[in-house]
Protein backbone atom coordinates (compact mmCIF):
# COMPACT_ATOMS: atom_id res chain seq x y z
CA UNK A 1 0.00 0.00 0.00
CA UNK A 2 1.47 3.41 -0.92
CA UNK A 3 2.21 5.83 1.89
CA UNK A 4 -0.46 8.44 2.42
CA UNK A 5 0.77 11.96 2.12
CA UNK A 6 -0.41 14.36 4.76
CA UNK A 7 -1.74 17.75 3.69
CA UNK A 8 0.61 20.61 4.49
CA UNK A 9 -0.11 22.27 7.83
CA UNK A 10 -2.11 25.45 7.55
CA UNK A 11 -0.62 28.58 9.00
CA UNK A 12 -2.10 29.98 12.16
CA UNK A 13 -3.04 33.58 12.60
CA UNK A 14 0.14 34.38 14.48
CA UNK A 15 2.31 32.92 11.71
CA UNK A 16 1.23 35.34 8.97
CA UNK A 17 3.39 38.37 9.88
CA UNK A 18 6.53 36.23 10.05
CA UNK A 19 5.68 34.43 6.80
CA UNK A 20 5.03 37.68 4.95
CA UNK A 21 8.23 39.19 6.37
CA UNK A 22 10.16 36.15 5.16
CA UNK A 23 8.63 36.52 1.70
CA UNK A 24 9.71 40.17 1.70
CA UNK A 25 13.27 39.22 2.68
CA UNK A 26 13.42 36.57 -0.03
CA UNK A 27 12.16 39.02 -2.65
CA UNK A 28 14.72 41.64 -1.56
CA UNK A 29 17.53 39.08 -1.79
CA UNK A 30 16.48 37.90 -5.23
CA UNK A 31 15.66 34.42 -3.95
CA UNK A 32 12.29 34.28 -5.73
CA UNK A 33 12.41 33.26 -9.39
CA UNK A 34 11.38 35.97 -11.86
CA UNK A 35 8.86 33.56 -13.36
CA UNK A 36 6.93 33.62 -10.05
CA UNK A 37 6.78 37.40 -9.69
CA UNK A 38 3.64 37.97 -11.78
CA UNK A 39 1.67 35.41 -9.79
CA UNK A 40 2.97 36.77 -6.48
CA UNK A 41 2.09 40.29 -7.57
CA UNK A 42 -1.50 39.25 -8.25
CA UNK A 43 -1.81 37.50 -4.90
CA UNK A 44 -0.28 40.44 -3.01
CA UNK A 45 -2.65 42.87 -4.75
CA UNK A 46 -5.57 40.66 -3.74
CA UNK A 47 -4.25 40.55 -0.17
CA UNK A 48 -3.91 44.33 -0.05
CA UNK A 49 -7.43 44.79 -1.44
CA UNK A 50 -8.79 42.45 1.25
CA UNK A 51 -6.93 44.43 3.93
CA UNK A 52 -8.39 47.67 2.58
CA UNK A 53 -11.91 46.22 2.68
CA UNK A 54 -11.42 44.93 6.21
CA UNK A 55 -9.45 47.86 7.62
CA UNK A 56 -10.12 51.08 5.66
CA UNK A 57 -7.48 53.81 5.83
CA UNK A 58 -9.75 56.07 7.90
CA UNK A 59 -9.95 53.51 10.71
CA UNK A 60 -6.23 52.76 10.97
CA UNK A 61 -5.42 55.63 13.30
CA UNK A 62 -7.80 54.38 15.97
PDB file of N, CA and C in Angstrom:
ATOM      1  N   UNK A   1       0.857  -1.176   0.000  1.00  0.00           N
ATOM      2  CA  UNK A   1       0.000   0.000   0.000  1.00  0.00           C
ATOM      3  C   UNK A   1       0.903   1.238   0.000  1.00  0.00           C
ATOM      4  N   UNK A   2       0.628   2.206  -0.899  1.00  0.00           N
ATOM      5  CA  UNK A   2       1.466   3.411  -0.924  1.00  0.00           C
ATOM      6  C   UNK A   2       1.259   4.251   0.336  1.00  0.00           C
ATOM      7  N   UNK A   3       2.301   4.946   0.711  1.00  0.00           N
ATOM      8  CA  UNK A   3       2.214   5.826   1.887  1.00  0.00           C
ATOM      9  C   UNK A   3       1.258   6.971   1.582  1.00  0.00           C
ATOM     10  N   UNK A   4       0.461   7.300   2.577  1.00  0.00           N
ATOM     11  CA  UNK A   4      -0.457   8.436   2.418  1.00  0.00           C
ATOM     12  C   UNK A   4       0.298   9.711   2.717  1.00  0.00           C
ATOM     13  N   UNK A   5       0.120  10.680   1.848  1.00  0.00           N
ATOM     14  CA  UNK A   5       0.768  11.964   2.124  1.00  0.00           C
ATOM     15  C   UNK A   5      -0.187  12.821   2.942  1.00  0.00           C
ATOM     16  N   UNK A   6       0.368  13.473   3.905  1.00  0.00           N
ATOM     17  CA  UNK A   6      -0.415  14.357   4.761  1.00  0.00           C
ATOM     18  C   UNK A   6      -0.512  15.723   4.095  1.00  0.00           C
ATOM     19  N   UNK A   7      -1.654  16.393   4.237  1.00  0.00           N
ATOM     20  CA  UNK A   7      -1.741  17.745   3.692  1.00  0.00           C
ATOM     21  C   UNK A   7      -0.789  18.662   4.451  1.00  0.00           C
ATOM     22  N   UNK A   8      -0.291  19.699   3.784  1.00  0.00           N
ATOM     23  CA  UNK A   8       0.607  20.609   4.494  1.00  0.00           C
ATOM     24  C   UNK A   8      -0.132  21.303   5.634  1.00  0.00           C
ATOM     25  N   UNK A   9       0.562  21.582   6.720  1.00  0.00           N
ATOM     26  CA  UNK A   9      -0.112  22.265   7.829  1.00  0.00           C
ATOM     27  C   UNK A   9      -0.527  23.666   7.405  1.00  0.00           C
ATOM     28  N   UNK A  10      -1.688  24.088   7.862  1.00  0.00           N
ATOM     29  CA  UNK A  10      -2.110  25.447   7.553  1.00  0.00           C
ATOM     30  C   UNK A  10      -1.467  26.390   8.562  1.00  0.00           C
ATOM     31  N   UNK A  11      -1.254  27.593   8.128  1.00  0.00           N
ATOM     32  CA  UNK A  11      -0.618  28.577   9.002  1.00  0.00           C
ATOM     33  C   UNK A  11      -1.646  29.156   9.956  1.00  0.00           C
ATOM     34  N   UNK A  12      -1.232  29.357  11.171  1.00  0.00           N
ATOM     35  CA  UNK A  12      -2.101  29.978  12.159  1.00  0.00           C
ATOM     36  C   UNK A  12      -2.049  31.490  12.036  1.00  0.00           C
ATOM     37  N   UNK A  13      -2.961  32.121  12.674  1.00  0.00           N
ATOM     38  CA  UNK A  13      -3.042  33.583  12.601  1.00  0.00           C
ATOM     39  C   UNK A  13      -1.744  34.259  13.001  1.00  0.00           C
ATOM     40  N   UNK A  14      -1.082  33.733  13.985  1.00  0.00           N
ATOM     41  CA  UNK A  14       0.143  34.377  14.477  1.00  0.00           C
ATOM     42  C   UNK A  14       1.327  34.154  13.552  1.00  0.00           C
ATOM     43  N   UNK A  15       1.212  33.212  12.636  1.00  0.00           N
ATOM     44  CA  UNK A  15       2.307  32.920  11.705  1.00  0.00           C
ATOM     45  C   UNK A  15       2.382  33.903  10.540  1.00  0.00           C
ATOM     46  N   UNK A  16       1.275  34.528  10.186  1.00  0.00           N
ATOM     47  CA  UNK A  16       1.234  35.340   8.967  1.00  0.00           C
ATOM     48  C   UNK A  16       2.244  36.471   8.939  1.00  0.00           C
ATOM     49  N   UNK A  17       2.393  37.293   9.970  1.00  0.00           N
ATOM     50  CA  UNK A  17       3.387  38.374   9.884  1.00  0.00           C
ATOM     51  C   UNK A  17       4.798  37.855   9.603  1.00  0.00           C
ATOM     52  N   UNK A  18       5.192  36.788  10.269  1.00  0.00           N
ATOM     53  CA  UNK A  18       6.533  36.235  10.049  1.00  0.00           C
ATOM     54  C   UNK A  18       6.666  35.669   8.637  1.00  0.00           C
ATOM     55  N   UNK A  19       5.630  34.987   8.154  1.00  0.00           N
ATOM     56  CA  UNK A  19       5.679  34.426   6.804  1.00  0.00           C
ATOM     57  C   UNK A  19       5.768  35.523   5.748  1.00  0.00           C
ATOM     58  N   UNK A  20       4.982  36.581   5.921  1.00  0.00           N
ATOM     59  CA  UNK A  20       5.026  37.682   4.955  1.00  0.00           C
ATOM     60  C   UNK A  20       6.352  38.431   5.034  1.00  0.00           C
ATOM     61  N   UNK A  21       6.905  38.564   6.226  1.00  0.00           N
ATOM     62  CA  UNK A  21       8.228  39.186   6.372  1.00  0.00           C
ATOM     63  C   UNK A  21       9.297  38.347   5.687  1.00  0.00           C
ATOM     64  N   UNK A  22       9.207  37.043   5.819  1.00  0.00           N
ATOM     65  CA  UNK A  22      10.163  36.152   5.155  1.00  0.00           C
ATOM     66  C   UNK A  22      10.036  36.253   3.643  1.00  0.00           C
ATOM     67  N   UNK A  23       8.826  36.328   3.142  1.00  0.00           N
ATOM     68  CA  UNK A  23       8.628  36.519   1.703  1.00  0.00           C
ATOM     69  C   UNK A  23       9.273  37.823   1.249  1.00  0.00           C
ATOM     70  N   UNK A  24       9.098  38.884   2.023  1.00  0.00           N
ATOM     71  CA  UNK A  24       9.713  40.172   1.702  1.00  0.00           C
ATOM     72  C   UNK A  24      11.228  40.054   1.661  1.00  0.00           C
ATOM     73  N   UNK A  25      11.809  39.401   2.656  1.00  0.00           N
ATOM     74  CA  UNK A  25      13.268  39.219   2.678  1.00  0.00           C
ATOM     75  C   UNK A  25      13.746  38.431   1.459  1.00  0.00           C
ATOM     76  N   UNK A  26      13.027  37.379   1.120  1.00  0.00           N
ATOM     77  CA  UNK A  26      13.424  36.571  -0.032  1.00  0.00           C
ATOM     78  C   UNK A  26      13.319  37.356  -1.331  1.00  0.00           C
ATOM     79  N   UNK A  27      12.288  38.172  -1.456  1.00  0.00           N
ATOM     80  CA  UNK A  27      12.163  39.023  -2.647  1.00  0.00           C
ATOM     81  C   UNK A  27      13.320  40.014  -2.719  1.00  0.00           C
ATOM     82  N   UNK A  28      13.629  40.659  -1.597  1.00  0.00           N
ATOM     83  CA  UNK A  28      14.722  41.637  -1.561  1.00  0.00           C
ATOM     84  C   UNK A  28      16.067  41.012  -1.902  1.00  0.00           C
ATOM     85  N   UNK A  29      16.253  39.768  -1.533  1.00  0.00           N
ATOM     86  CA  UNK A  29      17.534  39.084  -1.787  1.00  0.00           C
ATOM     87  C   UNK A  29      17.592  38.417  -3.160  1.00  0.00           C
ATOM     88  N   UNK A  30      16.505  38.514  -3.908  1.00  0.00           N
ATOM     89  CA  UNK A  30      16.477  37.900  -5.226  1.00  0.00           C
ATOM     90  C   UNK A  30      16.342  36.393  -5.186  1.00  0.00           C
ATOM     91  N   UNK A  31      15.772  35.867  -4.111  1.00  0.00           N
ATOM     92  CA  UNK A  31      15.656  34.422  -3.954  1.00  0.00           C
ATOM     93  C   UNK A  31      14.376  33.847  -4.562  1.00  0.00           C
ATOM     94  N   UNK A  32      13.517  34.714  -5.076  1.00  0.00           N
ATOM     95  CA  UNK A  32      12.286  34.277  -5.731  1.00  0.00           C
ATOM     96  C   UNK A  32      12.521  34.354  -7.236  1.00  0.00           C
ATOM     97  N   UNK A  33      12.220  33.286  -7.942  1.00  0.00           N
ATOM     98  CA  UNK A  33      12.409  33.264  -9.393  1.00  0.00           C
ATOM     99  C   UNK A  33      11.550  34.325 -10.074  1.00  0.00           C
ATOM    100  N   UNK A  34      12.114  34.967 -11.092  1.00  0.00           N
ATOM    101  CA  UNK A  34      11.378  35.974 -11.855  1.00  0.00           C
ATOM    102  C   UNK A  34      10.070  35.414 -12.403  1.00  0.00           C
ATOM    103  N   UNK A  35      10.071  34.151 -12.781  1.00  0.00           N
ATOM    104  CA  UNK A  35       8.861  33.561 -13.361  1.00  0.00           C
ATOM    105  C   UNK A  35       7.707  33.502 -12.358  1.00  0.00           C
ATOM    106  N   UNK A  36       7.988  33.657 -11.069  1.00  0.00           N
ATOM    107  CA  UNK A  36       6.934  33.623 -10.051  1.00  0.00           C
ATOM    108  C   UNK A  36       6.438  35.018  -9.665  1.00  0.00           C
ATOM    109  N   UNK A  37       7.112  36.051 -10.136  1.00  0.00           N
ATOM    110  CA  UNK A  37       6.779  37.404  -9.687  1.00  0.00           C
ATOM    111  C   UNK A  37       5.387  37.854 -10.114  1.00  0.00           C
ATOM    112  N   UNK A  38       4.964  37.538 -11.325  1.00  0.00           N
ATOM    113  CA  UNK A  38       3.636  37.969 -11.781  1.00  0.00           C
ATOM    114  C   UNK A  38       2.542  37.357 -10.912  1.00  0.00           C
ATOM    115  N   UNK A  39       2.665  36.072 -10.626  1.00  0.00           N
ATOM    116  CA  UNK A  39       1.666  35.409  -9.791  1.00  0.00           C
ATOM    117  C   UNK A  39       1.684  35.967  -8.368  1.00  0.00           C
ATOM    118  N   UNK A  40       2.872  36.184  -7.820  1.00  0.00           N
ATOM    119  CA  UNK A  40       2.975  36.775  -6.481  1.00  0.00           C
ATOM    120  C   UNK A  40       2.366  38.171  -6.454  1.00  0.00           C
ATOM    121  N   UNK A  41       2.628  38.934  -7.496  1.00  0.00           N
ATOM    122  CA  UNK A  41       2.093  40.287  -7.571  1.00  0.00           C
ATOM    123  C   UNK A  41       0.567  40.274  -7.522  1.00  0.00           C
ATOM    124  N   UNK A  42      -0.040  39.367  -8.254  1.00  0.00           N
ATOM    125  CA  UNK A  42      -1.499  39.250  -8.252  1.00  0.00           C
ATOM    126  C   UNK A  42      -2.015  38.893  -6.866  1.00  0.00           C
ATOM    127  N   UNK A  43      -1.372  37.940  -6.227  1.00  0.00           N
ATOM    128  CA  UNK A  43      -1.810  37.502  -4.896  1.00  0.00           C
ATOM    129  C   UNK A  43      -1.638  38.624  -3.872  1.00  0.00           C
ATOM    130  N   UNK A  44      -0.524  39.341  -3.958  1.00  0.00           N
ATOM    131  CA  UNK A  44      -0.279  40.436  -3.010  1.00  0.00           C
ATOM    132  C   UNK A  44      -1.286  41.563  -3.232  1.00  0.00           C
ATOM    133  N   UNK A  45      -1.613  41.858  -4.483  1.00  0.00           N
ATOM    134  CA  UNK A  45      -2.645  42.869  -4.752  1.00  0.00           C
ATOM    135  C   UNK A  45      -3.983  42.441  -4.155  1.00  0.00           C
ATOM    136  N   UNK A  46      -4.326  41.168  -4.318  1.00  0.00           N
ATOM    137  CA  UNK A  46      -5.573  40.658  -3.735  1.00  0.00           C
ATOM    138  C   UNK A  46      -5.543  40.753  -2.213  1.00  0.00           C
ATOM    139  N   UNK A  47      -4.407  40.440  -1.616  1.00  0.00           N
ATOM    140  CA  UNK A  47      -4.245  40.546  -0.169  1.00  0.00           C
ATOM    141  C   UNK A  47      -4.438  41.989   0.286  1.00  0.00           C
ATOM    142  N   UNK A  48      -3.799  42.920  -0.416  1.00  0.00           N
ATOM    143  CA  UNK A  48      -3.912  44.330  -0.052  1.00  0.00           C
ATOM    144  C   UNK A  48      -5.359  44.815  -0.192  1.00  0.00           C
ATOM    145  N   UNK A  49      -6.034  44.395  -1.252  1.00  0.00           N
ATOM    146  CA  UNK A  49      -7.433  44.791  -1.439  1.00  0.00           C
ATOM    147  C   UNK A  49      -8.298  44.256  -0.297  1.00  0.00           C
ATOM    148  N   UNK A  50      -8.038  43.027   0.130  1.00  0.00           N
ATOM    149  CA  UNK A  50      -8.793  42.454   1.252  1.00  0.00           C
ATOM    150  C   UNK A  50      -8.523  43.229   2.539  1.00  0.00           C
ATOM    151  N   UNK A  51      -7.265  43.625   2.752  1.00  0.00           N
ATOM    152  CA  UNK A  51      -6.933  44.432   3.931  1.00  0.00           C
ATOM    153  C   UNK A  51      -7.654  45.771   3.893  1.00  0.00           C
ATOM    154  N   UNK A  52      -7.697  46.392   2.723  1.00  0.00           N
ATOM    155  CA  UNK A  52      -8.393  47.672   2.579  1.00  0.00           C
ATOM    156  C   UNK A  52      -9.887  47.526   2.874  1.00  0.00           C
ATOM    157  N   UNK A  53     -10.477  46.438   2.410  1.00  0.00           N
ATOM    158  CA  UNK A  53     -11.908  46.221   2.682  1.00  0.00           C
ATOM    159  C   UNK A  53     -12.146  45.998   4.171  1.00  0.00           C
ATOM    160  N   UNK A  54     -11.258  45.279   4.797  1.00  0.00           N
ATOM    161  CA  UNK A  54     -11.424  44.928   6.207  1.00  0.00           C
ATOM    162  C   UNK A  54     -11.038  46.071   7.138  1.00  0.00           C
ATOM    163  N   UNK A  55     -10.020  46.829   6.749  1.00  0.00           N
ATOM    164  CA  UNK A  55      -9.454  47.858   7.617  1.00  0.00           C
ATOM    165  C   UNK A  55      -9.206  49.122   6.797  1.00  0.00           C
ATOM    166  N   UNK A  56     -10.268  49.880   6.492  1.00  0.00           N
ATOM    167  CA  UNK A  56     -10.123  51.079   5.659  1.00  0.00           C
ATOM    168  C   UNK A  56      -9.139  52.077   6.264  1.00  0.00           C
ATOM    169  N   UNK A  57      -8.516  52.861   5.403  1.00  0.00           N
ATOM    170  CA  UNK A  57      -7.482  53.814   5.826  1.00  0.00           C
ATOM    171  C   UNK A  57      -7.976  54.747   6.933  1.00  0.00           C
ATOM    172  N   UNK A  58      -9.218  55.163   6.895  1.00  0.00           N
ATOM    173  CA  UNK A  58      -9.749  56.071   7.898  1.00  0.00           C
ATOM    174  C   UNK A  58      -9.822  55.477   9.292  1.00  0.00           C
ATOM    175  N   UNK A  59      -9.844  54.165   9.399  1.00  0.00           N
ATOM    176  CA  UNK A  59      -9.949  53.512  10.709  1.00  0.00           C
ATOM    177  C   UNK A  59      -8.598  53.139  11.293  1.00  0.00           C
ATOM    178  N   UNK A  60      -7.536  53.248  10.530  1.00  0.00           N
ATOM    179  CA  UNK A  60      -6.231  52.757  10.975  1.00  0.00           C
ATOM    180  C   UNK A  60      -5.638  53.552  12.126  1.00  0.00           C
ATOM    181  N   UNK A  61      -5.983  54.807  12.244  1.00  0.00           N
ATOM    182  CA  UNK A  61      -5.423  55.632  13.302  1.00  0.00           C
ATOM    183  C   UNK A  61      -6.039  55.381  14.663  1.00  0.00           C
ATOM    184  N   UNK A  62      -7.090  54.610  14.700  1.00  0.00           N
ATOM    185  CA  UNK A  62      -7.799  54.382  15.970  1.00  0.00           C
ATOM    186  C   UNK A  62      -7.185  53.300  16.775  1.00  0.00           C
TER     187      UNK A  62
END
